[in-house]
Amino acid sequence: MDIQLPQMDGLETTQKIKAINPDIPVIAQTAYALYNDCDICLKNGCDDYVAKPLKKNVLFEKINHYIYK
């Protein structure tokens, strides 16, 4: 989930998704990583967090974690 979306930010979008189905995993990502972005994302319903520039191996590990839990 990109945190900086044009119509509705990613945190609000995540909250709406989780209201429909709380079991859908959401991994937040943002290009403007600040020291507390991860905490903010997790408090707003995201299950995990990655910062840009994305490292493919880190992203794949996180995705696999939620697919094969």
PDB file of N, CA and C in Angstrom:
ATOM      1  N   MET A   1       0.856  -1.173   0.000  1.00  0.00           N
ATOM      2  CA  MET A   1       0.000   0.000   0.000  1.00  0.00           C
ATOM      3  C   MET A   1       0.899   1.232   0.000  1.00  0.00           C
ATOM      4  N   ASP A   2       0.770   2.027  -1.035  1.00  0.00           N
ATOM      5  CA  ASP A   2       1.505   3.290  -1.072  1.00  0.00           C
ATOM      6  C   ASP A   2       0.807   4.271  -0.133  1.00  0.00           C
ATOM      7  N   ILE A   3       1.552   4.894   0.735  1.00  0.00           N
ATOM      8  CA  ILE A   3       0.977   5.813   1.712  1.00  0.00           C
ATOM      9  C   ILE A   3       0.545   7.123   1.056  1.00  0.00           C
ATOM     10  N   GLN A   4       1.240   7.534   0.009  1.00  0.00           N
ATOM     11  CA  GLN A   4       0.930   8.789  -0.682  1.00  0.00           C
ATOM     12  C   GLN A   4       0.093   8.525  -1.934  1.00  0.00           C
ATOM     13  N   LEU A   5      -1.189   8.310  -1.772  1.00  0.00           N
ATOM     14  CA  LEU A   5      -2.087   8.103  -2.903  1.00  0.00           C
ATOM     15  C   LEU A   5      -2.792   9.419  -3.239  1.00  0.00           C
ATOM     16  N   PRO A   6      -3.194   9.618  -4.500  1.00  0.00           N
ATOM     17  CA  PRO A   6      -3.750  10.913  -4.901  1.00  0.00           C
ATOM     18  C   PRO A   6      -5.146  11.224  -4.353  1.00  0.00           C
ATOM     19  N   GLN A   7      -6.065  10.298  -4.336  1.00  0.00           N
ATOM     20  CA  GLN A   7      -7.435  10.587  -3.922  1.00  0.00           C
ATOM     21  C   GLN A   7      -7.660  10.375  -2.424  1.00  0.00           C
ATOM     22  N   MET A   8      -7.153   9.279  -1.909  1.00  0.00           N
ATOM     23  CA  MET A   8      -7.326   8.919  -0.504  1.00  0.00           C
ATOM     24  C   MET A   8      -5.979   8.362  -0.057  1.00  0.00           C
ATOM     25  N   ASP A   9      -5.450   8.841   1.069  1.00  0.00           N
ATOM     26  CA  ASP A   9      -4.128   8.363   1.445  1.00  0.00           C
ATOM     27  C   ASP A   9      -4.169   6.876   1.799  1.00  0.00           C
ATOM     28  N   GLY A  10      -3.012   6.262   1.758  1.00  0.00           N
ATOM     29  CA  GLY A  10      -2.903   4.825   1.968  1.00  0.00           C
ATOM     30  C   GLY A  10      -3.346   4.361   3.345  1.00  0.00           C
ATOM     31  N   LEU A  11      -3.219   5.204   4.351  1.00  0.00           N
ATOM     32  CA  LEU A  11      -3.637   4.820   5.695  1.00  0.00           C
ATOM     33  C   LEU A  11      -5.159   4.721   5.778  1.00  0.00           C
ATOM     34  N   GLU A  12      -5.842   5.687   5.190  1.00  0.00           N
ATOM     35  CA  GLU A  12      -7.306   5.641   5.174  1.00  0.00           C
ATOM     36  C   GLU A  12      -7.788   4.458   4.326  1.00  0.00           C
ATOM     37  N   THR A  13      -7.117   4.226   3.204  1.00  0.00           N
ATOM     38  CA  THR A  13      -7.465   3.097   2.354  1.00  0.00           C
ATOM     39  C   THR A  13      -7.286   1.781   3.103  1.00  0.00           C
ATOM     40  N   THR A  14      -6.193   1.666   3.832  1.00  0.00           N
ATOM     41  CA  THR A  14      -5.941   0.460   4.628  1.00  0.00           C
ATOM     42  C   THR A  14      -7.037   0.249   5.662  1.00  0.00           C
ATOM     43  N   GLN A  15      -7.438   1.308   6.336  1.00  0.00           N
ATOM     44  CA  GLN A  15      -8.500   1.190   7.338  1.00  0.00           C
ATOM     45  C   GLN A  15      -9.794   0.700   6.705  1.00  0.00           C
ATOM     46  N   LYS A  16     -10.104   1.171   5.510  1.00  0.00           N
ATOM     47  CA  LYS A  16     -11.330   0.733   4.818  1.00  0.00           C
ATOM     48  C   LYS A  16     -11.223  -0.738   4.405  1.00  0.00           C
ATOM     49  N   ILE A  17     -10.063  -1.144   3.919  1.00  0.00           N
ATOM     50  CA  ILE A  17      -9.848  -2.549   3.551  1.00  0.00           C
ATOM     51  C   ILE A  17      -9.995  -3.440   4.782  1.00  0.00           C
ATOM     52  N   LYS A  18      -9.353  -3.055   5.869  1.00  0.00           N
ATOM     53  CA  LYS A  18      -9.388  -3.862   7.095  1.00  0.00           C
ATOM     54  C   LYS A  18     -10.794  -3.923   7.690  1.00  0.00           C
ATOM     55  N   ALA A  19     -11.608  -2.896   7.476  1.00  0.00           N
ATOM     56  CA  ALA A  19     -12.991  -2.915   7.960  1.00  0.00           C
ATOM     57  C   ALA A  19     -13.806  -3.968   7.207  1.00  0.00           C
ATOM     58  N   ILE A  20     -13.469  -4.184   5.944  1.00  0.00           N
ATOM     59  CA  ILE A  20     -14.160  -5.186   5.132  1.00  0.00           C
ATOM     60  C   ILE A  20     -13.626  -6.583   5.434  1.00  0.00           C
ATOM     61  N   ASN A  21     -12.293  -6.704   5.471  1.00  0.00           N
ATOM     62  CA  ASN A  21     -11.666  -7.997   5.733  1.00  0.00           C
ATOM     63  C   ASN A  21     -10.363  -7.784   6.495  1.00  0.00           C
ATOM     64  N   PRO A  22     -10.393  -7.941   7.814  1.00  0.00           N
ATOM     65  CA  PRO A  22      -9.189  -7.688   8.622  1.00  0.00           C
ATOM     66  C   PRO A  22      -8.066  -8.700   8.407  1.00  0.00           C
ATOM     67  N   ASP A  23      -8.351  -9.798   7.698  1.00  0.00           N
ATOM     68  CA  ASP A  23      -7.328 -10.818   7.482  1.00  0.00           C
ATOM     69  C   ASP A  23      -6.447 -10.554   6.264  1.00  0.00           C
ATOM     70  N   ILE A  24      -6.804  -9.564   5.450  1.00  0.00           N
ATOM     71  CA  ILE A  24      -5.977  -9.234   4.287  1.00  0.00           C
ATOM     72  C   ILE A  24      -4.724  -8.511   4.773  1.00  0.00           C
ATOM     73  N   PRO A  25      -3.550  -9.068   4.500  1.00  0.00           N
ATOM     74  CA  PRO A  25      -2.325  -8.395   4.928  1.00  0.00           C
ATOM     75  C   PRO A  25      -2.031  -7.167   4.075  1.00  0.00           C
ATOM     76  N   VAL A  26      -1.609  -6.108   4.725  1.00  0.00           N
ATOM     77  CA  VAL A  26      -1.262  -4.867   4.027  1.00  0.00           C
ATOM     78  C   VAL A  26       0.162  -4.483   4.417  1.00  0.00           C
ATOM     79  N   ILE A  27       1.011  -4.360   3.411  1.00  0.00           N
ATOM     80  CA  ILE A  27       2.389  -3.910   3.624  1.00  0.00           C
ATOM     81  C   ILE A  27       2.473  -2.475   3.117  1.00  0.00           C
ATOM     82  N   ALA A  28       2.747  -1.557   3.998  1.00  0.00           N
ATOM     83  CA  ALA A  28       2.845  -0.142   3.642  1.00  0.00           C
ATOM     84  C   ALA A  28       4.216   0.142   3.040  1.00  0.00           C
ATOM     85  N   GLN A  29       4.230   1.096   2.104  1.00  0.00           N
ATOM     86  CA  GLN A  29       5.515   1.562   1.577  1.00  0.00           C
ATOM     87  C   GLN A  29       5.402   3.045   1.278  1.00  0.00           C
ATOM     88  N   THR A  30       6.514   3.732   1.476  1.00  0.00           N
ATOM     89  CA  THR A  30       6.543   5.160   1.218  1.00  0.00           C
ATOM     90  C   THR A  30       7.931   5.599   0.785  1.00  0.00           C
ATOM     91  N   ALA A  31       7.964   6.637  -0.023  1.00  0.00           N
ATOM     92  CA  ALA A  31       9.240   7.194  -0.476  1.00  0.00           C
ATOM     93  C   ALA A  31       9.761   8.232   0.505  1.00  0.00           C
ATOM     94  N   TYR A  32       8.895   8.725   1.353  1.00  0.00           N
ATOM     95  CA  TYR A  32       9.273   9.810   2.256  1.00  0.00           C
ATOM     96  C   TYR A  32       9.395   9.273   3.678  1.00  0.00           C
ATOM     97  N   ALA A  33      10.321   8.353   3.872  1.00  0.00           N
ATOM     98  CA  ALA A  33      10.444   7.646   5.148  1.00  0.00           C
ATOM     99  C   ALA A  33      10.994   8.564   6.237  1.00  0.00           C
ATOM    100  N   LEU A  34      10.202   8.716   7.273  1.00  0.00           N
ATOM    101  CA  LEU A  34      10.627   9.423   8.469  1.00  0.00           C
ATOM    102  C   LEU A  34      10.792   8.402   9.578  1.00  0.00           C
ATOM    103  N   TYR A  35      11.431   8.782  10.666  1.00  0.00           N
ATOM    104  CA  TYR A  35      11.757   7.824  11.720  1.00  0.00           C
ATOM    105  C   TYR A  35      10.530   7.147  12.317  1.00  0.00           C
ATOM    106  N   ASN A  36       9.374   7.804  12.310  1.00  0.00           N
ATOM    107  CA  ASN A  36       8.194   7.206  12.940  1.00  0.00           C
ATOM    108  C   ASN A  36       7.147   6.710  11.933  1.00  0.00           C
ATOM    109  N   ASP A  37       7.465   6.700  10.654  1.00  0.00           N
ATOM    110  CA  ASP A  37       6.514   6.250   9.635  1.00  0.00           C
ATOM    111  C   ASP A  37       6.054   4.817   9.865  1.00  0.00           C
ATOM    112  N   CYS A  38       6.956   3.947  10.226  1.00  0.00           N
ATOM    113  CA  CYS A  38       6.594   2.554  10.454  1.00  0.00           C
ATOM    114  C   CYS A  38       5.558   2.459  11.564  1.00  0.00           C
ATOM    115  N   ASP A  39       5.795   3.119  12.677  1.00  0.00           N
ATOM    116  CA  ASP A  39       4.851   3.095  13.802  1.00  0.00           C
ATOM    117  C   ASP A  39       3.481   3.643  13.397  1.00  0.00           C
ATOM    118  N   ILE A  40       3.477   4.724  12.645  1.00  0.00           N
ATOM    119  CA  ILE A  40       2.213   5.322  12.189  1.00  0.00           C
ATOM    120  C   ILE A  40       1.455   4.332  11.307  1.00  0.00           C
ATOM    121  N   CYS A  41       2.149   3.674  10.396  1.00  0.00           N
ATOM    122  CA  CYS A  41       1.505   2.705   9.504  1.00  0.00           C
ATOM    123  C   CYS A  41       0.932   1.535  10.293  1.00  0.00           C
ATOM    124  N   LEU A  42       1.700   1.010  11.223  1.00  0.00           N
ATOM    125  CA  LEU A  42       1.229  -0.128  12.016  1.00  0.00           C
ATOM    126  C   LEU A  42       0.036   0.259  12.885  1.00  0.00           C
ATOM    127  N   LYS A  43       0.050   1.455  13.440  1.00  0.00           N
ATOM    128  CA  LYS A  43      -1.070   1.920  14.268  1.00  0.00           C
ATOM    129  C   LYS A  43      -2.340   2.144  13.447  1.00  0.00           C
ATOM    130  N   ASN A  44      -2.186   2.325  12.135  1.00  0.00           N
ATOM    131  CA  ASN A  44      -3.336   2.555  11.261  1.00  0.00           C
ATOM    132  C   ASN A  44      -3.771   1.300  10.520  1.00  0.00           C
ATOM    133  N   GLY A  45      -3.317   0.144  10.971  1.00  0.00           N
ATOM    134  CA  GLY A  45      -3.814  -1.117  10.441  1.00  0.00           C
ATOM    135  C   GLY A  45      -2.909  -1.866   9.491  1.00  0.00           C
ATOM    136  N   CYS A  46      -1.818  -1.271   9.076  1.00  0.00           N
ATOM    137  CA  CYS A  46      -0.891  -1.989   8.197  1.00  0.00           C
ATOM    138  C   CYS A  46      -0.220  -3.103   8.997  1.00  0.00           C
ATOM    139  N   ASP A  47       0.097  -4.184   8.305  1.00  0.00           N
ATOM    140  CA  ASP A  47       0.717  -5.325   8.968  1.00  0.00           C
ATOM    141  C   ASP A  47       2.237  -5.255   8.947  1.00  0.00           C
ATOM    142  N   ASP A  48       2.770  -4.516   7.992  1.00  0.00           N
ATOM    143  CA  ASP A  48       4.220  -4.430   7.854  1.00  0.00           C
ATOM    144  C   ASP A  48       4.557  -3.147   7.113  1.00  0.00           C
ATOM    145  N   TYR A  49       5.842  -2.895   6.911  1.00  0.00           N
ATOM    146  CA  TYR A  49       6.286  -1.614   6.350  1.00  0.00           C
ATOM    147  C   TYR A  49       7.599  -1.805   5.600  1.00  0.00           C
ATOM    148  N   VAL A  50       7.723  -1.150   4.445  1.00  0.00           N
ATOM    149  CA  VAL A  50       8.986  -1.050   3.712  1.00  0.00           C
ATOM    150  C   VAL A  50       9.129   0.385   3.216  1.00  0.00           C
ATOM    151  N   ALA A  51      10.358   0.841   3.131  1.00  0.00           N
ATOM    152  CA  ALA A  51      10.634   2.188   2.642  1.00  0.00           C
ATOM    153  C   ALA A  51      11.264   2.102   1.253  1.00  0.00           C
ATOM    154  N   LYS A  52      11.004   3.124   0.445  1.00  0.00           N
ATOM    155  CA  LYS A  52      11.669   3.235  -0.852  1.00  0.00           C
ATOM    156  C   LYS A  52      13.038   3.861  -0.632  1.00  0.00           C
ATOM    157  N   PRO A  53      14.018   3.546  -1.418  1.00  0.00           N
ATOM    158  CA  PRO A  53      13.941   2.612  -2.532  1.00  0.00           C
ATOM    159  C   PRO A  53      13.776   1.170  -2.024  1.00  0.00           C
ATOM    160  N   LEU A  54      12.870   0.454  -2.675  1.00  0.00           N
ATOM    161  CA  LEU A  54      12.584  -0.914  -2.270  1.00  0.00           C
ATOM    162  C   LEU A  54      13.766  -1.821  -2.578  1.00  0.00           C
ATOM    163  N   LYS A  55      14.029  -2.712  -1.654  1.00  0.00           N
ATOM    164  CA  LYS A  55      15.008  -3.770  -1.880  1.00  0.00           C
ATOM    165  C   LYS A  55      14.189  -5.023  -2.164  1.00  0.00           C
ATOM    166  N   LYS A  56      14.342  -5.562  -3.375  1.00  0.00           N
ATOM    167  CA  LYS A  56      13.505  -6.680  -3.803  1.00  0.00           C
ATOM    168  C   LYS A  56      13.514  -7.830  -2.806  1.00  0.00           C
ATOM    169  N   ASN A  57      14.687  -8.198  -2.307  1.00  0.00           N
ATOM    170  CA  ASN A  57      14.750  -9.350  -1.405  1.00  0.00           C
ATOM    171  C   ASN A  57      13.977  -9.095  -0.110  1.00  0.00           C
ATOM    172  N   VAL A  58      14.003  -7.885   0.399  1.00  0.00           N
ATOM    173  CA  VAL A  58      13.260  -7.546   1.618  1.00  0.00           C
ATOM    174  C   VAL A  58      11.761  -7.603   1.343  1.00  0.00           C
ATOM    175  N   LEU A  59      11.331  -7.031   0.233  1.00  0.00           N
ATOM    176  CA  LEU A  59       9.921  -7.054  -0.119  1.00  0.00           C
ATOM    177  C   LEU A  59       9.427  -8.489  -0.306  1.00  0.00           C
ATOM    178  N   PHE A  60      10.196  -9.306  -1.031  1.00  0.00           N
ATOM    179  CA  PHE A  60       9.797 -10.695  -1.257  1.00  0.00           C
ATOM    180  C   PHE A  60       9.729 -11.481   0.051  1.00  0.00           C
ATOM    181  N   GLU A  61      10.653 -11.233   0.963  1.00  0.00           N
ATOM    182  CA  GLU A  61      10.614 -11.902   2.268  1.00  0.00           C
ATOM    183  C   GLU A  61       9.333 -11.540   3.020  1.00  0.00           C
ATOM    184  N   LYS A  62       8.967 -10.290   2.994  1.00  0.00           N
ATOM    185  CA  LYS A  62       7.758  -9.846   3.692  1.00  0.00           C
ATOM    186  C   LYS A  62       6.506 -10.438   3.044  1.00  0.00           C
ATOM    187  N   ILE A  63       6.459 -10.428   1.726  1.00  0.00           N
ATOM    188  CA  ILE A  63       5.310 -11.013   1.023  1.00  0.00           C
ATOM    189  C   ILE A  63       5.209 -12.509   1.345  1.00  0.00           C
ATOM    190  N   ASN A  64       6.311 -13.201   1.249  1.00  0.00           N
ATOM    191  CA  ASN A  64       6.312 -14.638   1.554  1.00  0.00           C
ATOM    192  C   ASN A  64       5.871 -14.923   2.974  1.00  0.00           C
ATOM    193  N   HIS A  65       6.245 -14.071   3.889  1.00  0.00           N
ATOM    194  CA  HIS A  65       5.830 -14.246   5.286  1.00  0.00           C
ATOM    195  C   HIS A  65       4.310 -14.284   5.407  1.00  0.00           C
ATOM    196  N   TYR A  66       3.640 -13.415   4.697  1.00  0.00           N
ATOM    197  CA  TYR A  66       2.180 -13.351   4.796  1.00  0.00           C
ATOM    198  C   TYR A  66       1.482 -14.408   3.939  1.00  0.00           C
ATOM    199  N   ILE A  67       2.117 -14.831   2.872  1.00  0.00           N
ATOM    200  CA  ILE A  67       1.530 -15.890   2.036  1.00  0.00           C
ATOM    201  C   ILE A  67       1.641 -17.250   2.720  1.00  0.00           C
ATOM    202  N   TYR A  68       2.780 -17.503   3.321  1.00  0.00           N
ATOM    203  CA  TYR A  68       3.057 -18.839   3.863  1.00  0.00           C
ATOM    204  C   TYR A  68       3.042 -18.914   5.378  1.00  0.00           C
ATOM    205  N   LYS A  69       2.278 -18.040   6.035  1.00  0.00           N
ATOM    206  CA  LYS A  69       2.268 -18.097   7.489  1.00  0.00           C
ATOM    207  C   LYS A  69       1.521 -19.284   8.017  1.00  0.00           C
TER     208      LYS A  69
END
